[in-house]
Amino acid sequence: MQYKVPQNLDIKDTVIFGLSFMQMIYLGGAIGLFILLVLFLGFLPGIIFSTPIAILAVLFSFYQINNQTFVTIFQAMLLYAFRSRLYTWQRNKIDNIEPKIFLAKNDYAPDAKYKTSVRVEDLKTSLDFNPE
């Protein structure tokens, strides 16, 4: 007997208006906070203070980065920002060691005992140069 295995396991179930349960919670919470801020602070201050909350709610509900929800990205950002970091790097002390410079011998540099004209003559004979 064959059974059909569902293929789309990573898609979340929609509850209402094509939104998942968590998306409804984020957006409903933002709308509720907006109404409370407008009622207690007045219209303009309520709008000003609820705008960042509304933007975060929309980002939490719909925005994804590399198939990760913005909630996990935001959580990682907050943990990184507020976690204490301990750096224990120490410089090693090395005494009485001077840096040594190694120069490679350049074969094409003219020496006092080896003239460049002699070198040109050697090259000319080795290339089998025949002017016509």
N, C-alpha and C. Protein backbone atom coordinates (compact mmCIF):
# COMPACT_ATOMS: atom_id res chain seq x y z
N MET A 1 0.84 -1.16 0.00
CA MET A 1 0.00 0.00 0.00
C MET A 1 0.90 1.25 0.00
N GLN A 2 0.56 2.20 -0.84
CA GLN A 2 1.35 3.41 -0.95
C GLN A 2 0.67 4.55 -0.19
N TYR A 3 1.52 5.33 0.47
CA TYR A 3 1.02 6.48 1.19
C TYR A 3 1.61 7.73 0.55
N LYS A 4 0.82 8.79 0.47
CA LYS A 4 1.32 10.05 -0.07
C LYS A 4 2.00 10.83 1.05
N VAL A 5 3.23 11.18 0.80
CA VAL A 5 4.02 11.95 1.76
C VAL A 5 3.95 13.41 1.35
N PRO A 6 3.60 14.31 2.27
CA PRO A 6 3.55 15.73 1.91
C PRO A 6 4.94 16.26 1.57
N GLN A 7 5.02 17.05 0.53
CA GLN A 7 6.30 17.56 0.04
C GLN A 7 6.63 18.95 0.58
N ASN A 8 5.63 19.73 0.91
CA ASN A 8 5.86 21.12 1.33
C ASN A 8 5.76 21.22 2.85
N LEU A 9 6.75 20.69 3.54
CA LEU A 9 6.72 20.71 5.00
C LEU A 9 7.21 22.04 5.57
N ASP A 10 7.95 22.83 4.79
CA ASP A 10 8.49 24.08 5.31
C ASP A 10 7.52 25.24 5.20
N ILE A 11 6.37 25.05 4.56
CA ILE A 11 5.38 26.11 4.43
C ILE A 11 4.48 26.07 5.68
N LYS A 12 4.32 27.23 6.31
CA LYS A 12 3.52 27.30 7.53
C LYS A 12 2.03 27.35 7.18
N ASP A 13 1.21 26.83 8.07
CA ASP A 13 -0.22 26.83 7.85
C ASP A 13 -0.77 28.24 8.01
N THR A 14 -1.72 28.57 7.15
CA THR A 14 -2.35 29.89 7.23
C THR A 14 -3.62 29.78 8.05
N VAL A 15 -3.88 30.82 8.84
CA VAL A 15 -5.05 30.82 9.71
C VAL A 15 -6.14 31.70 9.11
N ILE A 16 -5.81 32.96 8.88
CA ILE A 16 -6.79 33.91 8.36
C ILE A 16 -6.09 34.88 7.42
N PHE A 17 -6.71 35.22 6.32
CA PHE A 17 -6.19 36.17 5.32
C PHE A 17 -4.82 35.78 4.81
N GLY A 18 -4.49 34.52 4.78
CA GLY A 18 -3.20 34.07 4.29
C GLY A 18 -2.05 34.30 5.26
N LEU A 19 -2.35 34.61 6.51
CA LEU A 19 -1.32 34.86 7.52
C LEU A 19 -1.20 33.65 8.44
N SER A 20 0.01 33.37 8.87
CA SER A 20 0.21 32.30 9.84
C SER A 20 -0.15 32.82 11.23
N PHE A 21 -0.13 31.93 12.20
CA PHE A 21 -0.49 32.32 13.57
C PHE A 21 0.48 33.36 14.13
N MET A 22 1.78 33.15 13.92
CA MET A 22 2.77 34.09 14.46
C MET A 22 2.66 35.45 13.77
N GLN A 23 2.41 35.46 12.47
CA GLN A 23 2.24 36.74 11.77
C GLN A 23 1.04 37.50 12.33
N MET A 24 -0.05 36.77 12.63
CA MET A 24 -1.21 37.43 13.23
C MET A 24 -0.88 37.99 14.60
N ILE A 25 -0.09 37.27 15.39
CA ILE A 25 0.29 37.75 16.73
C ILE A 25 1.10 39.03 16.62
N TYR A 26 2.11 39.04 15.73
CA TYR A 26 2.95 40.24 15.57
C TYR A 26 2.14 41.44 15.10
N LEU A 27 1.34 41.25 14.06
CA LEU A 27 0.57 42.37 13.52
C LEU A 27 -0.54 42.79 14.48
N GLY A 28 -1.20 41.84 15.14
CA GLY A 28 -2.23 42.20 16.12
C GLY A 28 -1.66 42.95 17.31
N GLY A 29 -0.48 42.52 17.77
CA GLY A 29 0.17 43.24 18.87
C GLY A 29 0.57 44.64 18.48
N ALA A 30 1.03 44.83 17.26
CA ALA A 30 1.41 46.17 16.80
C ALA A 30 0.18 47.06 16.67
N ILE A 31 -0.92 46.51 16.17
CA ILE A 31 -2.14 47.30 16.05
C ILE A 31 -2.68 47.66 17.43
N GLY A 32 -2.63 46.70 18.37
CA GLY A 32 -3.08 46.98 19.73
C GLY A 32 -2.23 48.04 20.41
N LEU A 33 -0.93 47.98 20.26
CA LEU A 33 -0.05 48.99 20.83
C LEU A 33 -0.27 50.35 20.18
N PHE A 34 -0.53 50.36 18.89
CA PHE A 34 -0.82 51.61 18.19
C PHE A 34 -2.07 52.26 18.77
N ILE A 35 -3.12 51.48 18.98
CA ILE A 35 -4.36 52.03 19.52
C ILE A 35 -4.14 52.55 20.95
N LEU A 36 -3.41 51.80 21.76
CA LEU A 36 -3.15 52.26 23.13
C LEU A 36 -2.32 53.54 23.17
N LEU A 37 -1.29 53.61 22.31
CA LEU A 37 -0.45 54.82 22.31
C LEU A 37 -1.23 56.03 21.81
N VAL A 38 -2.08 55.85 20.81
CA VAL A 38 -2.87 56.98 20.31
C VAL A 38 -3.88 57.43 21.37
N LEU A 39 -4.48 56.49 22.09
CA LEU A 39 -5.45 56.87 23.11
C LEU A 39 -4.79 57.58 24.29
N PHE A 40 -3.65 57.11 24.74
CA PHE A 40 -3.03 57.69 25.94
C PHE A 40 -2.14 58.89 25.66
N LEU A 41 -1.48 58.93 24.51
CA LEU A 41 -0.55 60.02 24.23
C LEU A 41 -1.12 61.09 23.31
N GLY A 42 -2.16 60.80 22.63
CA GLY A 42 -2.69 61.72 21.62
C GLY A 42 -2.32 61.20 20.23
N PHE A 43 -2.89 61.85 19.22
CA PHE A 43 -2.73 61.33 17.86
C PHE A 43 -1.30 61.43 17.35
N LEU A 44 -0.71 62.62 17.35
CA LEU A 44 0.62 62.80 16.76
C LEU A 44 1.72 62.09 17.56
N PRO A 45 1.79 62.23 18.89
CA PRO A 45 2.81 61.46 19.62
C PRO A 45 2.59 59.95 19.52
N GLY A 46 1.33 59.52 19.47
CA GLY A 46 1.04 58.10 19.32
C GLY A 46 1.54 57.56 18.00
N ILE A 47 1.37 58.34 16.93
CA ILE A 47 1.88 57.95 15.60
C ILE A 47 3.40 57.89 15.62
N ILE A 48 4.04 58.88 16.22
CA ILE A 48 5.50 58.95 16.24
C ILE A 48 6.10 57.77 17.02
N PHE A 49 5.52 57.44 18.18
CA PHE A 49 6.08 56.35 18.99
C PHE A 49 5.69 54.97 18.49
N SER A 50 4.61 54.86 17.74
CA SER A 50 4.20 53.54 17.27
C SER A 50 4.77 53.19 15.89
N THR A 51 5.37 54.15 15.19
CA THR A 51 5.94 53.86 13.88
C THR A 51 7.08 52.84 13.94
N PRO A 52 8.06 52.97 14.86
CA PRO A 52 9.09 51.93 14.92
C PRO A 52 8.53 50.55 15.31
N ILE A 53 7.52 50.54 16.15
CA ILE A 53 6.91 49.27 16.55
C ILE A 53 6.21 48.63 15.34
N ALA A 54 5.53 49.45 14.55
CA ALA A 54 4.85 48.93 13.36
C ALA A 54 5.85 48.40 12.33
N ILE A 55 6.97 49.11 12.18
CA ILE A 55 7.99 48.66 11.23
C ILE A 55 8.58 47.33 11.69
N LEU A 56 8.87 47.19 12.99
CA LEU A 56 9.39 45.93 13.50
C LEU A 56 8.37 44.80 13.35
N ALA A 57 7.11 45.10 13.57
CA ALA A 57 6.08 44.06 13.43
C ALA A 57 5.98 43.58 11.99
N VAL A 58 6.06 44.49 11.03
CA VAL A 58 6.02 44.10 9.62
C VAL A 58 7.26 43.30 9.26
N LEU A 59 8.43 43.73 9.75
CA LEU A 59 9.65 42.97 9.48
C LEU A 59 9.59 41.58 10.11
N PHE A 60 9.13 41.49 11.35
CA PHE A 60 9.02 40.19 12.01
C PHE A 60 8.04 39.28 11.27
N SER A 61 7.00 39.86 10.70
CA SER A 61 5.97 39.05 10.05
C SER A 61 6.37 38.56 8.66
N PHE A 62 6.99 39.42 7.85
CA PHE A 62 7.14 39.09 6.43
C PHE A 62 8.57 39.00 5.92
N TYR A 63 9.54 39.65 6.54
CA TYR A 63 10.88 39.75 5.96
C TYR A 63 11.74 38.55 6.35
N GLN A 64 12.45 38.01 5.36
CA GLN A 64 13.37 36.90 5.59
C GLN A 64 14.72 37.20 4.95
N ILE A 65 15.78 36.79 5.63
CA ILE A 65 17.13 36.91 5.10
C ILE A 65 17.73 35.51 5.08
N ASN A 66 18.12 35.05 3.90
CA ASN A 66 18.69 33.71 3.72
C ASN A 66 17.81 32.61 4.33
N ASN A 67 16.52 32.69 4.07
CA ASN A 67 15.53 31.73 4.56
C ASN A 67 15.47 31.65 6.08
N GLN A 68 15.84 32.73 6.75
CA GLN A 68 15.68 32.83 8.20
C GLN A 68 14.78 34.02 8.47
N THR A 69 13.89 33.85 9.41
CA THR A 69 12.98 34.95 9.72
C THR A 69 13.76 36.10 10.36
N PHE A 70 13.17 37.27 10.28
CA PHE A 70 13.82 38.44 10.85
C PHE A 70 13.89 38.34 12.37
N VAL A 71 13.03 37.54 12.97
CA VAL A 71 13.05 37.36 14.42
C VAL A 71 14.37 36.73 14.84
N THR A 72 14.82 35.68 14.12
CA THR A 72 16.08 35.04 14.49
C THR A 72 17.27 35.95 14.21
N ILE A 73 17.21 36.72 13.13
CA ILE A 73 18.29 37.68 12.84
C ILE A 73 18.36 38.75 13.91
N PHE A 74 17.20 39.27 14.30
CA PHE A 74 17.14 40.31 15.33
C PHE A 74 17.62 39.78 16.68
N GLN A 75 17.24 38.55 17.00
CA GLN A 75 17.68 37.93 18.25
C GLN A 75 19.20 37.75 18.25
N ALA A 76 19.77 37.30 17.15
CA ALA A 76 21.22 37.14 17.07
C ALA A 76 21.92 38.49 17.18
N MET A 77 21.34 39.53 16.58
CA MET A 77 21.93 40.86 16.66
C MET A 77 21.94 41.37 18.10
N LEU A 78 20.83 41.17 18.81
CA LEU A 78 20.77 41.63 20.20
C LEU A 78 21.72 40.84 21.10
N LEU A 79 21.81 39.53 20.89
CA LEU A 79 22.74 38.72 21.68
C LEU A 79 24.18 39.14 21.43
N TYR A 80 24.51 39.43 20.19
CA TYR A 80 25.87 39.87 19.89
C TYR A 80 26.16 41.24 20.49
N ALA A 81 25.18 42.12 20.47
CA ALA A 81 25.41 43.49 20.95
C ALA A 81 25.57 43.54 22.47
N PHE A 82 24.83 42.70 23.19
CA PHE A 82 24.84 42.82 24.64
C PHE A 82 25.61 41.72 25.36
N ARG A 83 26.16 40.78 24.66
CA ARG A 83 26.95 39.73 25.29
C ARG A 83 28.36 40.26 25.54
N SER A 84 28.92 39.89 26.67
CA SER A 84 30.28 40.34 26.97
C SER A 84 31.27 39.53 26.14
N ARG A 85 32.29 40.21 25.69
CA ARG A 85 33.31 39.56 24.87
C ARG A 85 34.65 39.66 25.61
N LEU A 86 35.38 38.59 25.60
CA LEU A 86 36.65 38.53 26.31
C LEU A 86 37.75 38.24 25.30
N TYR A 87 38.64 39.18 25.13
CA TYR A 87 39.76 39.02 24.22
C TYR A 87 41.03 38.80 25.05
N THR A 88 41.72 37.70 24.86
CA THR A 88 42.87 37.38 25.70
C THR A 88 44.16 37.27 24.90
N TRP A 89 44.28 38.02 23.85
CA TRP A 89 45.48 37.96 23.03
C TRP A 89 46.61 38.67 23.76
N GLN A 90 47.80 38.06 23.81
CA GLN A 90 48.97 38.68 24.41
C GLN A 90 50.12 38.56 23.42
N ARG A 91 50.91 39.59 23.37
CA ARG A 91 52.05 39.58 22.47
C ARG A 91 53.16 38.74 23.06
N ASN A 92 53.75 37.88 22.24
CA ASN A 92 54.89 37.08 22.69
C ASN A 92 56.14 37.95 22.75
N LYS A 93 56.92 37.79 23.81
CA LYS A 93 58.14 38.57 23.94
C LYS A 93 59.30 37.77 23.37
N ILE A 94 59.94 38.31 22.36
CA ILE A 94 61.10 37.67 21.74
C ILE A 94 62.28 38.63 21.92
N ASP A 95 63.29 38.18 22.63
CA ASP A 95 64.44 39.03 22.94
C ASP A 95 65.62 38.72 22.03
N ASN A 96 66.38 39.74 21.73
CA ASN A 96 67.65 39.63 21.01
C ASN A 96 67.53 38.96 19.64
N ILE A 97 66.45 39.14 18.99
CA ILE A 97 66.33 38.61 17.63
C ILE A 97 66.14 39.80 16.69
N GLU A 98 67.09 39.93 15.79
CA GLU A 98 67.01 41.01 14.82
C GLU A 98 66.54 40.43 13.49
N PRO A 99 65.79 41.20 12.75
CA PRO A 99 65.32 40.68 11.46
C PRO A 99 66.49 40.58 10.48
N LYS A 100 66.53 39.50 9.74
CA LYS A 100 67.57 39.28 8.75
C LYS A 100 66.99 39.49 7.37
N ILE A 101 67.76 40.14 6.54
CA ILE A 101 67.32 40.41 5.18
C ILE A 101 68.12 39.51 4.26
N PHE A 102 67.44 38.70 3.52
CA PHE A 102 68.08 37.81 2.56
C PHE A 102 67.87 38.38 1.16
N LEU A 103 68.97 38.65 0.49
CA LEU A 103 68.89 39.17 -0.87
C LEU A 103 69.26 38.06 -1.84
N ALA A 104 68.43 37.89 -2.82
CA ALA A 104 68.71 36.89 -3.84
C ALA A 104 69.71 37.47 -4.82
N LYS A 105 70.61 36.63 -5.29
CA LYS A 105 71.61 37.08 -6.24
C LYS A 105 70.95 37.21 -7.60
N ASN A 106 71.05 38.37 -8.17
CA ASN A 106 70.45 38.64 -9.47
C ASN A 106 71.46 38.25 -10.55
N ASP A 107 71.11 37.33 -11.43
CA ASP A 107 72.03 36.86 -12.46
C ASP A 107 72.26 37.90 -13.55
N TYR A 108 71.35 38.81 -13.70
CA TYR A 108 71.47 39.77 -14.80
C TYR A 108 72.14 41.07 -14.38
N ALA A 109 72.46 41.22 -13.12
CA ALA A 109 73.12 42.43 -12.67
C ALA A 109 74.59 42.38 -13.09
N PRO A 110 75.09 43.45 -13.68
CA PRO A 110 76.50 43.44 -14.11
C PRO A 110 77.44 43.53 -12.92
N ASP A 111 78.44 42.66 -12.92
CA ASP A 111 79.49 42.70 -11.91
C ASP A 111 80.68 43.47 -12.48
N ALA A 112 81.63 43.71 -11.58
CA ALA A 112 82.82 44.41 -12.04
C ALA A 112 83.65 43.51 -12.95
N LYS A 113 83.69 42.21 -12.68
CA LYS A 113 84.51 41.34 -13.49
C LYS A 113 83.78 40.77 -14.70
N TYR A 114 82.47 40.93 -14.74
CA TYR A 114 81.71 40.39 -15.86
C TYR A 114 81.04 41.54 -16.58
N LYS A 115 81.48 41.90 -17.73
CA LYS A 115 81.01 43.07 -18.46
C LYS A 115 79.76 42.71 -19.27
N THR A 116 78.91 43.70 -19.47
CA THR A 116 77.69 43.46 -20.23
C THR A 116 77.97 43.27 -21.71
N SER A 117 79.00 43.87 -22.21
CA SER A 117 79.29 43.69 -23.64
C SER A 117 79.68 42.25 -23.94
N VAL A 118 80.39 41.62 -23.00
CA VAL A 118 80.75 40.22 -23.19
C VAL A 118 79.49 39.36 -23.14
N ARG A 119 78.60 39.72 -22.31
CA ARG A 119 77.33 38.98 -22.20
C ARG A 119 76.51 39.11 -23.48
N VAL A 120 76.48 40.28 -24.06
CA VAL A 120 75.75 40.48 -25.32
C VAL A 120 76.38 39.65 -26.43
N GLU A 121 77.68 39.60 -26.46
CA GLU A 121 78.35 38.78 -27.47
C GLU A 121 78.01 37.30 -27.30
N ASP A 122 77.96 36.83 -26.05
CA ASP A 122 77.58 35.45 -25.79
C ASP A 122 76.15 35.17 -26.25
N LEU A 123 75.26 36.11 -26.00
CA LEU A 123 73.88 35.93 -26.42
C LEU A 123 73.76 35.91 -27.94
N LYS A 124 74.56 36.77 -28.60
CA LYS A 124 74.48 36.84 -30.05
C LYS A 124 74.95 35.54 -30.70
N THR A 125 75.99 34.95 -30.16
CA THR A 125 76.48 33.69 -30.73
C THR A 125 75.56 32.53 -30.38
N SER A 126 74.91 32.59 -29.21
CA SER A 126 74.04 31.48 -28.84
C SER A 126 72.70 31.50 -29.59
N LEU A 127 72.30 32.65 -30.08
CA LEU A 127 71.04 32.74 -30.83
C LEU A 127 71.22 32.44 -32.31
N ASP A 128 72.43 32.23 -32.75
CA ASP A 128 72.71 31.92 -34.15
C ASP A 128 72.18 33.04 -35.03
N PHE A 129 72.71 34.19 -34.79
CA PHE A 129 72.28 35.39 -35.49
C PHE A 129 73.01 35.48 -36.84
N ASN A 130 72.28 35.48 -37.93
CA ASN A 130 72.84 35.57 -39.29
C ASN A 130 72.20 36.73 -40.03
N PRO A 131 72.83 37.90 -40.05
CA PRO A 131 72.25 39.02 -40.81
C PRO A 131 72.47 38.81 -42.31
N GLU A 132 71.55 39.19 -43.11
CA GLU A 132 71.66 38.99 -44.56
C GLU A 132 71.90 40.28 -45.26
